[in-house]
Amino acid sequence: MTNDEKRKHSRIGSINLLNYVYCDENEEEADQGMGRTLNVSESGILLETHNRIDPSHVVCLTIGFREDVVDIKGRVIYTKENTRGLFESGIEFFAMDDAARQVLENYIQAFNTQTAL
């Protein structure tokens, strides 16, 4: 990471399909959909979706990592439209249980081992 890097954890390139639900400030479901991760770290993901996700909403993600599926909550740090007309949102994780954290850590470790070969 460079000195200008603000992330606590390095990101690995990863394309995983996921389901997301986001809730408004009253914790009411505002929307849901499918998306995919473009990269992932222990503290967040870059999520690509067809719809813009409002940064004021909490996002509940159900992510498939190989055979495992985990539920993780996050907040939108930024959203931008890419050149293909899709939206990329940086999501910072803030709530996951120990089992989800372990699956995420195992996935990142396996990916790093695979890319080192």
PDB file of N, CA and C in Angstrom:
ATOM      1  N   MET A   1       0.838  -1.174   0.000  1.00  0.00           N
ATOM      2  CA  MET A   1       0.000   0.000   0.000  1.00  0.00           C
ATOM      3  C   MET A   1       0.889   1.246   0.000  1.00  0.00           C
ATOM      4  N   THR A   2       0.443   2.283  -0.636  1.00  0.00           N
ATOM      5  CA  THR A   2       1.186   3.527  -0.686  1.00  0.00           C
ATOM      6  C   THR A   2       0.910   4.335   0.571  1.00  0.00           C
ATOM      7  N   ASN A   3       1.708   5.382   0.740  1.00  0.00           N
ATOM      8  CA  ASN A   3       1.491   6.263   1.894  1.00  0.00           C
ATOM      9  C   ASN A   3       0.159   6.982   1.822  1.00  0.00           C
ATOM     10  N   ASP A   4      -0.388   7.140   0.603  1.00  0.00           N
ATOM     11  CA  ASP A   4      -1.676   7.805   0.434  1.00  0.00           C
ATOM     12  C   ASP A   4      -2.855   6.872   0.679  1.00  0.00           C
ATOM     13  N   GLU A   5      -2.599   5.594   0.824  1.00  0.00           N
ATOM     14  CA  GLU A   5      -3.649   4.599   0.992  1.00  0.00           C
ATOM     15  C   GLU A   5      -4.367   4.815   2.317  1.00  0.00           C
ATOM     16  N   LYS A   6      -5.705   4.817   2.286  1.00  0.00           N
ATOM     17  CA  LYS A   6      -6.502   5.037   3.488  1.00  0.00           C
ATOM     18  C   LYS A   6      -7.051   3.734   4.055  1.00  0.00           C
ATOM     19  N   ARG A   7      -6.986   2.656   3.300  1.00  0.00           N
ATOM     20  CA  ARG A   7      -7.547   1.387   3.764  1.00  0.00           C
ATOM     21  C   ARG A   7      -6.674   0.745   4.827  1.00  0.00           C
ATOM     22  N   LYS A   8      -7.325   0.077   5.780  1.00  0.00           N
ATOM     23  CA  LYS A   8      -6.609  -0.663   6.810  1.00  0.00           C
ATOM     24  C   LYS A   8      -6.122  -2.000   6.281  1.00  0.00           C
ATOM     25  N   HIS A   9      -6.831  -2.583   5.317  1.00  0.00           N
ATOM     26  CA  HIS A   9      -6.519  -3.899   4.783  1.00  0.00           C
ATOM     27  C   HIS A   9      -6.390  -3.819   3.265  1.00  0.00           C
ATOM     28  N   SER A  10      -5.430  -4.567   2.717  1.00  0.00           N
ATOM     29  CA  SER A  10      -5.282  -4.577   1.270  1.00  0.00           C
ATOM     30  C   SER A  10      -6.461  -5.312   0.639  1.00  0.00           C
ATOM     31  N   ARG A  11      -6.787  -4.940  -0.580  1.00  0.00           N
ATOM     32  CA  ARG A  11      -7.916  -5.541  -1.301  1.00  0.00           C
ATOM     33  C   ARG A  11      -7.403  -6.598  -2.254  1.00  0.00           C
ATOM     34  N   ILE A  12      -8.164  -7.676  -2.418  1.00  0.00           N
ATOM     35  CA  ILE A  12      -7.842  -8.672  -3.432  1.00  0.00           C
ATOM     36  C   ILE A  12      -8.922  -8.612  -4.491  1.00  0.00           C
ATOM     37  N   GLY A  13      -8.528  -8.818  -5.738  1.00  0.00           N
ATOM     38  CA  GLY A  13      -9.498  -8.855  -6.830  1.00  0.00           C
ATOM     39  C   GLY A  13     -10.372 -10.088  -6.678  1.00  0.00           C
ATOM     40  N   SER A  14     -11.650  -9.919  -6.770  1.00  0.00           N
ATOM     41  CA  SER A  14     -12.563 -11.033  -6.559  1.00  0.00           C
ATOM     42  C   SER A  14     -13.896 -10.718  -7.206  1.00  0.00           C
ATOM     43  N   ILE A  15     -14.435 -11.683  -7.938  1.00  0.00           N
ATOM     44  CA  ILE A  15     -15.760 -11.490  -8.504  1.00  0.00           C
ATOM     45  C   ILE A  15     -16.674 -12.568  -7.916  1.00  0.00           C
ATOM     46  N   ASN A  16     -17.568 -12.141  -7.021  1.00  0.00           N
ATOM     47  CA  ASN A  16     -18.526 -13.017  -6.370  1.00  0.00           C
ATOM     48  C   ASN A  16     -19.890 -12.389  -6.487  1.00  0.00           C
ATOM     49  N   LEU A  17     -20.883 -13.201  -6.828  1.00  0.00           N
ATOM     50  CA  LEU A  17     -22.246 -12.699  -6.857  1.00  0.00           C
ATOM     51  C   LEU A  17     -22.755 -12.566  -5.431  1.00  0.00           C
ATOM     52  N   LEU A  18     -23.640 -11.607  -5.220  1.00  0.00           N
ATOM     53  CA  LEU A  18     -24.214 -11.439  -3.896  1.00  0.00           C
ATOM     54  C   LEU A  18     -25.601 -10.843  -3.994  1.00  0.00           C
ATOM     55  N   ASN A  19     -26.329 -10.996  -2.914  1.00  0.00           N
ATOM     56  CA  ASN A  19     -27.638 -10.371  -2.754  1.00  0.00           C
ATOM     57  C   ASN A  19     -27.466  -9.242  -1.747  1.00  0.00           C
ATOM     58  N   TYR A  20     -28.116  -8.120  -2.013  1.00  0.00           N
ATOM     59  CA  TYR A  20     -28.050  -7.031  -1.047  1.00  0.00           C
ATOM     60  C   TYR A  20     -29.453  -6.509  -0.767  1.00  0.00           C
ATOM     61  N   VAL A  21     -29.618  -6.048   0.453  1.00  0.00           N
ATOM     62  CA  VAL A  21     -30.824  -5.354   0.886  1.00  0.00           C
ATOM     63  C   VAL A  21     -30.317  -4.105   1.581  1.00  0.00           C
ATOM     64  N   TYR A  22     -30.904  -2.962   1.262  1.00  0.00           N
ATOM     65  CA  TYR A  22     -30.505  -1.799   2.035  1.00  0.00           C
ATOM     66  C   TYR A  22     -31.711  -1.147   2.666  1.00  0.00           C
ATOM     67  N   CYS A  23     -31.431  -0.590   3.846  1.00  0.00           N
ATOM     68  CA  CYS A  23     -32.482  -0.010   4.681  1.00  0.00           C
ATOM     69  C   CYS A  23     -32.241   1.478   4.836  1.00  0.00           C
ATOM     70  N   ASP A  24     -33.330   2.233   4.931  1.00  0.00           N
ATOM     71  CA  ASP A  24     -33.233   3.675   5.102  1.00  0.00           C
ATOM     72  C   ASP A  24     -32.935   4.013   6.559  1.00  0.00           C
ATOM     73  N   GLU A  25     -32.933   5.305   6.861  1.00  0.00           N
ATOM     74  CA  GLU A  25     -32.602   5.756   8.209  1.00  0.00           C
ATOM     75  C   GLU A  25     -33.581   5.261   9.266  1.00  0.00           C
ATOM     76  N   ASN A  26     -34.779   4.808   8.865  1.00  0.00           N
ATOM     77  CA  ASN A  26     -35.767   4.254   9.792  1.00  0.00           C
ATOM     78  C   ASN A  26     -35.698   2.728   9.864  1.00  0.00           C
ATOM     79  N   GLU A  27     -34.644   2.162   9.269  1.00  0.00           N
ATOM     80  CA  GLU A  27     -34.428   0.718   9.215  1.00  0.00           C
ATOM     81  C   GLU A  27     -35.529  -0.011   8.462  1.00  0.00           C
ATOM     82  N   GLU A  28     -36.175   0.692   7.544  1.00  0.00           N
ATOM     83  CA  GLU A  28     -37.162   0.086   6.647  1.00  0.00           C
ATOM     84  C   GLU A  28     -36.461  -0.302   5.350  1.00  0.00           C
ATOM     85  N   GLU A  29     -36.839  -1.462   4.801  1.00  0.00           N
ATOM     86  CA  GLU A  29     -36.217  -1.907   3.558  1.00  0.00           C
ATOM     87  C   GLU A  29     -36.519  -0.908   2.446  1.00  0.00           C
ATOM     88  N   ALA A  30     -35.474  -0.388   1.824  1.00  0.00           N
ATOM     89  CA  ALA A  30     -35.626   0.587   0.748  1.00  0.00           C
ATOM     90  C   ALA A  30     -35.522  -0.076  -0.618  1.00  0.00           C
ATOM     91  N   ASP A  31     -34.680  -1.095  -0.742  1.00  0.00           N
ATOM     92  CA  ASP A  31     -34.499  -1.765  -2.019  1.00  0.00           C
ATOM     93  C   ASP A  31     -33.670  -3.017  -1.798  1.00  0.00           C
ATOM     94  N   GLN A  32     -33.670  -3.869  -2.794  1.00  0.00           N
ATOM     95  CA  GLN A  32     -32.819  -5.050  -2.773  1.00  0.00           C
ATOM     96  C   GLN A  32     -32.444  -5.384  -4.204  1.00  0.00           C
ATOM     97  N   GLY A  33     -31.426  -6.188  -4.355  1.00  0.00           N
ATOM     98  CA  GLY A  33     -31.013  -6.562  -5.694  1.00  0.00           C
ATOM     99  C   GLY A  33     -29.830  -7.497  -5.659  1.00  0.00           C
ATOM    100  N   MET A  34     -29.314  -7.755  -6.837  1.00  0.00           N
ATOM    101  CA  MET A  34     -28.133  -8.595  -7.001  1.00  0.00           C
ATOM    102  C   MET A  34     -26.989  -7.705  -7.452  1.00  0.00           C
ATOM    103  N   GLY A  35     -25.807  -8.078  -7.089  1.00  0.00           N
ATOM    104  CA  GLY A  35     -24.619  -7.364  -7.500  1.00  0.00           C
ATOM    105  C   GLY A  35     -23.452  -8.321  -7.497  1.00  0.00           C
ATOM    106  N   ARG A  36     -22.271  -7.768  -7.662  1.00  0.00           N
ATOM    107  CA  ARG A  36     -21.082  -8.604  -7.579  1.00  0.00           C
ATOM    108  C   ARG A  36     -19.965  -7.817  -6.940  1.00  0.00           C
ATOM    109  N   THR A  37     -19.093  -8.540  -6.247  1.00  0.00           N
ATOM    110  CA  THR A  37     -17.931  -7.904  -5.653  1.00  0.00           C
ATOM    111  C   THR A  37     -16.866  -7.771  -6.731  1.00  0.00           C
ATOM    112  N   LEU A  38     -16.193  -6.652  -6.742  1.00  0.00           N
ATOM    113  CA  LEU A  38     -15.063  -6.459  -7.647  1.00  0.00           C
ATOM    114  C   LEU A  38     -13.742  -6.672  -6.921  1.00  0.00           C
ATOM    115  N   ASN A  39     -13.729  -6.367  -5.622  1.00  0.00           N
ATOM    116  CA  ASN A  39     -12.603  -6.709  -4.765  1.00  0.00           C
ATOM    117  C   ASN A  39     -13.094  -6.782  -3.333  1.00  0.00           C
ATOM    118  N   VAL A  40     -12.280  -7.381  -2.484  1.00  0.00           N
ATOM    119  CA  VAL A  40     -12.712  -7.624  -1.108  1.00  0.00           C
ATOM    120  C   VAL A  40     -11.513  -7.565  -0.177  1.00  0.00           C
ATOM    121  N   SER A  41     -11.750  -7.107   1.041  1.00  0.00           N
ATOM    122  CA  SER A  41     -10.738  -7.129   2.089  1.00  0.00           C
ATOM    123  C   SER A  41     -11.439  -7.503   3.392  1.00  0.00           C
ATOM    124  N   GLU A  42     -10.679  -7.535   4.473  1.00  0.00           N
ATOM    125  CA  GLU A  42     -11.264  -7.844   5.774  1.00  0.00           C
ATOM    126  C   GLU A  42     -12.199  -6.741   6.250  1.00  0.00           C
ATOM    127  N   SER A  43     -12.066  -5.558   5.686  1.00  0.00           N
ATOM    128  CA  SER A  43     -12.869  -4.444   6.176  1.00  0.00           C
ATOM    129  C   SER A  43     -13.899  -3.925   5.180  1.00  0.00           C
ATOM    130  N   GLY A  44     -13.930  -4.469   3.949  1.00  0.00           N
ATOM    131  CA  GLY A  44     -14.926  -3.971   3.013  1.00  0.00           C
ATOM    132  C   GLY A  44     -14.829  -4.592   1.628  1.00  0.00           C
ATOM    133  N   ILE A  45     -15.744  -4.143   0.763  1.00  0.00           N
ATOM    134  CA  ILE A  45     -15.764  -4.622  -0.616  1.00  0.00           C
ATOM    135  C   ILE A  45     -16.031  -3.454  -1.554  1.00  0.00           C
ATOM    136  N   LEU A  46     -15.706  -3.696  -2.806  1.00  0.00           N
ATOM    137  CA  LEU A  46     -16.154  -2.824  -3.882  1.00  0.00           C
ATOM    138  C   LEU A  46     -17.267  -3.592  -4.573  1.00  0.00           C
ATOM    139  N   LEU A  47     -18.475  -3.053  -4.520  1.00  0.00           N
ATOM    140  CA  LEU A  47     -19.687  -3.707  -4.995  1.00  0.00           C
ATOM    141  C   LEU A  47     -20.153  -3.050  -6.287  1.00  0.00           C
ATOM    142  N   GLU A  48     -20.446  -3.871  -7.303  1.00  0.00           N
ATOM    143  CA  GLU A  48     -20.990  -3.378  -8.567  1.00  0.00           C
ATOM    144  C   GLU A  48     -22.456  -3.768  -8.664  1.00  0.00           C
ATOM    145  N   THR A  49     -23.319  -2.776  -8.929  1.00  0.00           N
ATOM    146  CA  THR A  49     -24.756  -3.000  -9.015  1.00  0.00           C
ATOM    147  C   THR A  49     -25.340  -2.252 -10.210  1.00  0.00           C
ATOM    148  N   HIS A  50     -26.568  -2.594 -10.556  1.00  0.00           N
ATOM    149  CA  HIS A  50     -27.269  -1.895 -11.628  1.00  0.00           C
ATOM    150  C   HIS A  50     -27.898  -0.593 -11.137  1.00  0.00           C
ATOM    151  N   ASN A  51     -28.139  -0.497  -9.837  1.00  0.00           N
ATOM    152  CA  ASN A  51     -28.770   0.691  -9.257  1.00  0.00           C
ATOM    153  C   ASN A  51     -27.825   1.377  -8.290  1.00  0.00           C
ATOM    154  N   ARG A  52     -27.962   2.693  -8.208  1.00  0.00           N
ATOM    155  CA  ARG A  52     -27.167   3.457  -7.240  1.00  0.00           C
ATOM    156  C   ARG A  52     -27.683   3.136  -5.831  1.00  0.00           C
ATOM    157  N   ILE A  53     -26.757   2.952  -4.913  1.00  0.00           N
ATOM    158  CA  ILE A  53     -27.107   2.722  -3.512  1.00  0.00           C
ATOM    159  C   ILE A  53     -26.883   4.019  -2.755  1.00  0.00           C
ATOM    160  N   ASP A  54     -27.902   4.500  -2.095  1.00  0.00           N
ATOM    161  CA  ASP A  54     -27.842   5.748  -1.345  1.00  0.00           C
ATOM    162  C   ASP A  54     -26.846   5.603  -0.190  1.00  0.00           C
ATOM    163  N   PRO A  55     -25.851   6.484  -0.110  1.00  0.00           N
ATOM    164  CA  PRO A  55     -24.849   6.390   0.957  1.00  0.00           C
ATOM    165  C   PRO A  55     -25.401   6.537   2.375  1.00  0.00           C
ATOM    166  N   SER A  56     -26.619   7.023   2.537  1.00  0.00           N
ATOM    167  CA  SER A  56     -27.180   7.156   3.886  1.00  0.00           C
ATOM    168  C   SER A  56     -27.801   5.848   4.377  1.00  0.00           C
ATOM    169  N   HIS A  57     -27.820   4.820   3.536  1.00  0.00           N
ATOM    170  CA  HIS A  57     -28.464   3.555   3.889  1.00  0.00           C
ATOM    171  C   HIS A  57     -27.471   2.518   4.394  1.00  0.00           C
ATOM    172  N   VAL A  58     -27.942   1.664   5.278  1.00  0.00           N
ATOM    173  CA  VAL A  58     -27.190   0.499   5.731  1.00  0.00           C
ATOM    174  C   VAL A  58     -27.437  -0.619   4.725  1.00  0.00           C
ATOM    175  N   VAL A  59     -26.377  -1.328   4.363  1.00  0.00           N
ATOM    176  CA  VAL A  59     -26.481  -2.398   3.375  1.00  0.00           C
ATOM    177  C   VAL A  59     -26.264  -3.737   4.075  1.00  0.00           C
ATOM    178  N   CYS A  60     -27.204  -4.662   3.888  1.00  0.00           N
ATOM    179  CA  CYS A  60     -27.071  -6.023   4.399  1.00  0.00           C
ATOM    180  C   CYS A  60     -26.723  -6.906   3.207  1.00  0.00           C
ATOM    181  N   LEU A  61     -25.539  -7.499   3.234  1.00  0.00           N
ATOM    182  CA  LEU A  61     -25.033  -8.285   2.116  1.00  0.00           C
ATOM    183  C   LEU A  61     -25.075  -9.766   2.450  1.00  0.00           C
ATOM    184  N   THR A  62     -25.484 -10.567   1.498  1.00  0.00           N
ATOM    185  CA  THR A  62     -25.352 -12.015   1.584  1.00  0.00           C
ATOM    186  C   THR A  62     -24.401 -12.390   0.464  1.00  0.00           C
ATOM    187  N   ILE A  63     -23.190 -12.812   0.847  1.00  0.00           N
ATOM    188  CA  ILE A  63     -22.115 -13.029  -0.115  1.00  0.00           C
ATOM    189  C   ILE A  63     -21.728 -14.500  -0.137  1.00  0.00           C
ATOM    190  N   GLY A  64     -21.572 -15.047  -1.335  1.00  0.00           N
ATOM    191  CA  GLY A  64     -21.090 -16.412  -1.496  1.00  0.00           C
ATOM    192  C   GLY A  64     -19.596 -16.422  -1.716  1.00  0.00           C
ATOM    193  N   PHE A  65     -18.866 -17.066  -0.812  1.00  0.00           N
ATOM    194  CA  PHE A  65     -17.432 -17.279  -0.959  1.00  0.00           C
ATOM    195  C   PHE A  65     -17.222 -18.775  -1.142  1.00  0.00           C
ATOM    196  N   ARG A  66     -17.014 -19.176  -2.385  1.00  0.00           N
ATOM    197  CA  ARG A  66     -16.923 -20.597  -2.743  1.00  0.00           C
ATOM    198  C   ARG A  66     -18.197 -21.299  -2.288  1.00  0.00           C
ATOM    199  N   GLU A  67     -18.076 -22.301  -1.397  1.00  0.00           N
ATOM    200  CA  GLU A  67     -19.274 -23.035  -0.968  1.00  0.00           C
ATOM    201  C   GLU A  67     -19.981 -22.384   0.213  1.00  0.00           C
ATOM    202  N   ASP A  68     -19.379 -21.381   0.813  1.00  0.00           N
ATOM    203  CA  ASP A  68     -19.924 -20.755   2.010  1.00  0.00           C
ATOM    204  C   ASP A  68     -20.692 -19.477   1.663  1.00  0.00           C
ATOM    205  N   VAL A  69     -21.739 -19.215   2.428  1.00  0.00           N
ATOM    206  CA  VAL A  69     -22.523 -17.999   2.278  1.00  0.00           C
ATOM    207  C   VAL A  69     -22.515 -17.277   3.620  1.00  0.00           C
ATOM    208  N   VAL A  70     -22.215 -15.970   3.596  1.00  0.00           N
ATOM    209  CA  VAL A  70     -22.145 -15.200   4.831  1.00  0.00           C
ATOM    210  C   VAL A  70     -23.012 -13.950   4.719  1.00  0.00           C
ATOM    211  N   ASP A  71     -23.492 -13.477   5.875  1.00  0.00           N
ATOM    212  CA  ASP A  71     -24.264 -12.243   5.963  1.00  0.00           C
ATOM    213  C   ASP A  71     -23.409 -11.198   6.682  1.00  0.00           C
ATOM    214  N   ILE A  72     -23.273 -10.034   6.044  1.00  0.00           N
ATOM    215  CA  ILE A  72     -22.436  -8.961   6.579  1.00  0.00           C
ATOM    216  C   ILE A  72     -23.158  -7.631   6.376  1.00  0.00           C
ATOM    217  N   LYS A  73     -23.125  -6.770   7.392  1.00  0.00           N
ATOM    218  CA  LYS A  73     -23.677  -5.417   7.266  1.00  0.00           C
ATOM    219  C   LYS A  73     -22.557  -4.440   6.977  1.00  0.00           C
ATOM    220  N   GLY A  74     -22.901  -3.412   6.196  1.00  0.00           N
ATOM    221  CA  GLY A  74     -21.906  -2.401   5.869  1.00  0.00           C
ATOM    222  C   GLY A  74     -22.545  -1.055   5.613  1.00  0.00           C
ATOM    223  N   ARG A  75     -21.682  -0.063   5.467  1.00  0.00           N
ATOM    224  CA  ARG A  75     -22.134   1.296   5.128  1.00  0.00           C
ATOM    225  C   ARG A  75     -21.446   1.702   3.833  1.00  0.00           C
ATOM    226  N   VAL A  76     -22.147   2.467   3.035  1.00  0.00           N
ATOM    227  CA  VAL A  76     -21.620   2.938   1.767  1.00  0.00           C
ATOM    228  C   VAL A  76     -20.691   4.121   2.037  1.00  0.00           C
ATOM    229  N   ILE A  77     -19.460   4.004   1.594  1.00  0.00           N
ATOM    230  CA  ILE A  77     -18.478   5.074   1.752  1.00  0.00           C
ATOM    231  C   ILE A  77     -18.524   6.003   0.541  1.00  0.00           C
ATOM    232  N   TYR A  78     -18.696   5.426  -0.643  1.00  0.00           N
ATOM    233  CA  TYR A  78     -18.840   6.221  -1.868  1.00  0.00           C
ATOM    234  C   TYR A  78     -19.538   5.395  -2.933  1.00  0.00           C
ATOM    235  N   THR A  79     -20.123   6.055  -3.897  1.00  0.00           N
ATOM    236  CA  THR A  79     -20.734   5.413  -5.060  1.00  0.00           C
ATOM    237  C   THR A  79     -20.402   6.245  -6.288  1.00  0.00           C
ATOM    238  N   LYS A  80     -20.036   5.559  -7.378  1.00  0.00           N
ATOM    239  CA  LYS A  80     -19.771   6.258  -8.637  1.00  0.00           C
ATOM    240  C   LYS A  80     -20.283   5.394  -9.788  1.00  0.00           C
ATOM    241  N   GLU A  81     -20.655   6.040 -10.867  1.00  0.00           N
ATOM    242  CA  GLU A  81     -21.091   5.327 -12.063  1.00  0.00           C
ATOM    243  C   GLU A  81     -19.854   5.006 -12.895  1.00  0.00           C
ATOM    244  N   ASN A  82     -19.760   3.748 -13.378  1.00  0.00           N
ATOM    245  CA  ASN A  82     -18.606   3.380 -14.194  1.00  0.00           C
ATOM    246  C   ASN A  82     -18.906   3.590 -15.680  1.00  0.00           C
ATOM    247  N   THR A  83     -17.955   3.271 -16.527  1.00  0.00           N
ATOM    248  CA  THR A  83     -18.094   3.525 -17.965  1.00  0.00           C
ATOM    249  C   THR A  83     -19.144   2.649 -18.634  1.00  0.00           C
ATOM    250  N   ARG A  84     -19.567   1.577 -17.988  1.00  0.00           N
ATOM    251  CA  ARG A  84     -20.593   0.688 -18.548  1.00  0.00           C
ATOM    252  C   ARG A  84     -21.992   1.042 -18.060  1.00  0.00           C
ATOM    253  N   GLY A  85     -22.119   2.123 -17.293  1.00  0.00           N
ATOM    254  CA  GLY A  85     -23.419   2.532 -16.783  1.00  0.00           C
ATOM    255  C   GLY A  85     -23.851   1.786 -15.539  1.00  0.00           C
ATOM    256  N   LEU A  86     -22.949   1.030 -14.916  1.00  0.00           N
ATOM    257  CA  LEU A  86     -23.220   0.351 -13.653  1.00  0.00           C
ATOM    258  C   LEU A  86     -22.646   1.200 -12.522  1.00  0.00           C
ATOM    259  N   PHE A  87     -23.018   0.871 -11.293  1.00  0.00           N
ATOM    260  CA  PHE A  87     -22.581   1.653 -10.145  1.00  0.00           C
ATOM    261  C   PHE A  87     -21.615   0.839  -9.293  1.00  0.00           C
ATOM    262  N   GLU A  88     -20.533   1.481  -8.897  1.00  0.00           N
ATOM    263  CA  GLU A  88     -19.546   0.875  -8.010  1.00  0.00           C
ATOM    264  C   GLU A  88     -19.620   1.581  -6.667  1.00  0.00           C
ATOM    265  N   SER A  89     -19.832   0.787  -5.628  1.00  0.00           N
ATOM    266  CA  SER A  89     -19.959   1.345  -4.276  1.00  0.00           C
ATOM    267  C   SER A  89     -18.913   0.725  -3.369  1.00  0.00           C
ATOM    268  N   GLY A  90     -18.166   1.579  -2.697  1.00  0.00           N
ATOM    269  CA  GLY A  90     -17.245   1.105  -1.670  1.00  0.00           C
ATOM    270  C   GLY A  90     -18.040   0.900  -0.395  1.00  0.00           C
ATOM    271  N   ILE A  91     -18.053  -0.341   0.094  1.00  0.00           N
ATOM    272  CA  ILE A  91     -18.812  -0.704   1.294  1.00  0.00           C
ATOM    273  C   ILE A  91     -17.838  -1.055   2.411  1.00  0.00           C
ATOM    274  N   GLU A  92     -17.979  -0.378   3.538  1.00  0.00           N
ATOM    275  CA  GLU A  92     -17.165  -0.680   4.712  1.00  0.00           C
ATOM    276  C   GLU A  92     -17.979  -1.564   5.647  1.00  0.00           C
ATOM    277  N   PHE A  93     -17.440  -2.744   5.981  1.00  0.00           N
ATOM    278  CA  PHE A  93     -18.131  -3.641   6.897  1.00  0.00           C
ATOM    279  C   PHE A  93     -18.160  -3.046   8.295  1.00  0.00           C
ATOM    280  N   PHE A  94     -19.288  -3.213   9.001  1.00  0.00           N
ATOM    281  CA  PHE A  94     -19.306  -2.813  10.408  1.00  0.00           C
ATOM    282  C   PHE A  94     -19.955  -3.852  11.296  1.00  0.00           C
ATOM    283  N   ALA A  95     -20.580  -4.873  10.728  1.00  0.00           N
ATOM    284  CA  ALA A  95     -21.184  -5.911  11.564  1.00  0.00           C
ATOM    285  C   ALA A  95     -21.145  -7.249  10.845  1.00  0.00           C
ATOM    286  N   MET A  96     -20.476  -8.206  11.483  1.00  0.00           N
ATOM    287  CA  MET A  96     -20.507  -9.590  11.009  1.00  0.00           C
ATOM    288  C   MET A  96     -20.212 -10.479  12.207  1.00  0.00           C
ATOM    289  N   ASP A  97     -20.794 -11.659  12.186  1.00  0.00           N
ATOM    290  CA  ASP A  97     -20.545 -12.562  13.310  1.00  0.00           C
ATOM    291  C   ASP A  97     -19.198 -13.260  13.115  1.00  0.00           C
ATOM    292  N   ASP A  98     -18.771 -13.999  14.133  1.00  0.00           N
ATOM    293  CA  ASP A  98     -17.467 -14.656  14.097  1.00  0.00           C
ATOM    294  C   ASP A  98     -17.365 -15.667  12.967  1.00  0.00           C
ATOM    295  N   ALA A  99     -18.442 -16.387  12.689  1.00  0.00           N
ATOM    296  CA  ALA A  99     -18.420 -17.376  11.612  1.00  0.00           C
ATOM    297  C   ALA A  99     -18.214 -16.705  10.258  1.00  0.00           C
ATOM    298  N   ALA A 100     -18.898 -15.588  10.034  1.00  0.00           N
ATOM    299  CA  ALA A 100     -18.738 -14.849   8.780  1.00  0.00           C
ATOM    300  C   ALA A 100     -17.313 -14.302   8.669  1.00  0.00           C
ATOM    301  N   ARG A 101     -16.781 -13.791   9.759  1.00  0.00           N
ATOM    302  CA  ARG A 101     -15.413 -13.261   9.751  1.00  0.00           C
ATOM    303  C   ARG A 101     -14.417 -14.371   9.415  1.00  0.00           C
ATOM    304  N   GLN A 102     -14.628 -15.555   9.955  1.00  0.00           N
ATOM    305  CA  GLN A 102     -13.718 -16.674   9.695  1.00  0.00           C
ATOM    306  C   GLN A 102     -13.786 -17.091   8.227  1.00  0.00           C
ATOM    307  N   VAL A 103     -14.981 -17.164   7.662  1.00  0.00           N
ATOM    308  CA  VAL A 103     -15.134 -17.503   6.240  1.00  0.00           C
ATOM    309  C   VAL A 103     -14.427 -16.458   5.386  1.00  0.00           C
ATOM    310  N   LEU A 104     -14.615 -15.196   5.698  1.00  0.00           N
ATOM    311  CA  LEU A 104     -13.977 -14.115   4.954  1.00  0.00           C
ATOM    312  C   LEU A 104     -12.456 -14.212   5.048  1.00  0.00           C
ATOM    313  N   GLU A 105     -11.922 -14.426   6.235  1.00  0.00           N
ATOM    314  CA  GLU A 105     -10.474 -14.548   6.418  1.00  0.00           C
ATOM    315  C   GLU A 105      -9.921 -15.754   5.665  1.00  0.00           C
ATOM    316  N   ASN A 106     -10.620 -16.890   5.714  1.00  0.00           N
ATOM    317  CA  ASN A 106     -10.174 -18.083   4.993  1.00  0.00           C
ATOM    318  C   ASN A 106     -10.155 -17.843   3.491  1.00  0.00           C
ATOM    319  N   TYR A 107     -11.171 -17.149   2.992  1.00  0.00           N
ATOM    320  CA  TYR A 107     -11.257 -16.851   1.570  1.00  0.00           C
ATOM    321  C   TYR A 107     -10.082 -15.975   1.140  1.00  0.00           C
ATOM    322  N   ILE A 108      -9.801 -14.934   1.897  1.00  0.00           N
ATOM    323  CA  ILE A 108      -8.707 -14.026   1.556  1.00  0.00           C
ATOM    324  C   ILE A 108      -7.369 -14.764   1.614  1.00  0.00           C
ATOM    325  N   GLN A 109      -7.174 -15.604   2.624  1.00  0.00           N
ATOM    326  CA  GLN A 109      -5.936 -16.369   2.757  1.00  0.00           C
ATOM    327  C   GLN A 109      -5.769 -17.337   1.577  1.00  0.00           C
ATOM    328  N   ALA A 110      -6.840 -18.036   1.203  1.00  0.00           N
ATOM    329  CA  ALA A 110      -6.760 -18.975   0.078  1.00  0.00           C
ATOM    330  C   ALA A 110      -6.452 -18.234  -1.222  1.00  0.00           C
ATOM    331  N   PHE A 111      -7.073 -17.078  -1.403  1.00  0.00           N
ATOM    332  CA  PHE A 111      -6.841 -16.293  -2.614  1.00  0.00           C
ATOM    333  C   PHE A 111      -5.383 -15.847  -2.669  1.00  0.00           C
ATOM    334  N   ASN A 112      -4.848 -15.355  -1.542  1.00  0.00           N
ATOM    335  CA  ASN A 112      -3.465 -14.883  -1.515  1.00  0.00           C
ATOM    336  C   ASN A 112      -2.488 -16.022  -1.768  1.00  0.00           C
ATOM    337  N   THR A 113      -2.757 -17.210  -1.243  1.00  0.00           N
ATOM    338  CA  THR A 113      -1.911 -18.374  -1.490  1.00  0.00           C
ATOM    339  C   THR A 113      -1.936 -18.742  -2.968  1.00  0.00           C
ATOM    340  N   GLN A 114      -3.101 -18.712  -3.561  1.00  0.00           N
ATOM    341  CA  GLN A 114      -3.273 -19.060  -4.974  1.00  0.00           C
ATOM    342  C   GLN A 114      -2.529 -18.086  -5.874  1.00  0.00           C
ATOM    343  N   THR A 115      -2.575 -16.800  -5.565  1.00  0.00           N
ATOM    344  CA  THR A 115      -1.919 -15.807  -6.418  1.00  0.00           C
ATOM    345  C   THR A 115      -0.412 -15.777  -6.221  1.00  0.00           C
ATOM    346  N   ALA A 116       0.089 -16.327  -5.104  1.00  0.00           N
ATOM    347  CA  ALA A 116       1.520 -16.357  -4.846  1.00  0.00           C
ATOM    348  C   ALA A 116       2.208 -17.481  -5.633  1.00  0.00           C
ATOM    349  N   LEU A 117       1.443 -18.459  -6.102  1.00  0.00           N
ATOM    350  CA  LEU A 117       2.038 -19.596  -6.836  1.00  0.00           C
ATOM    351  C   LEU A 117       2.460 -19.234  -8.233  1.00  0.00           C
TER     352      LEU A 117
END
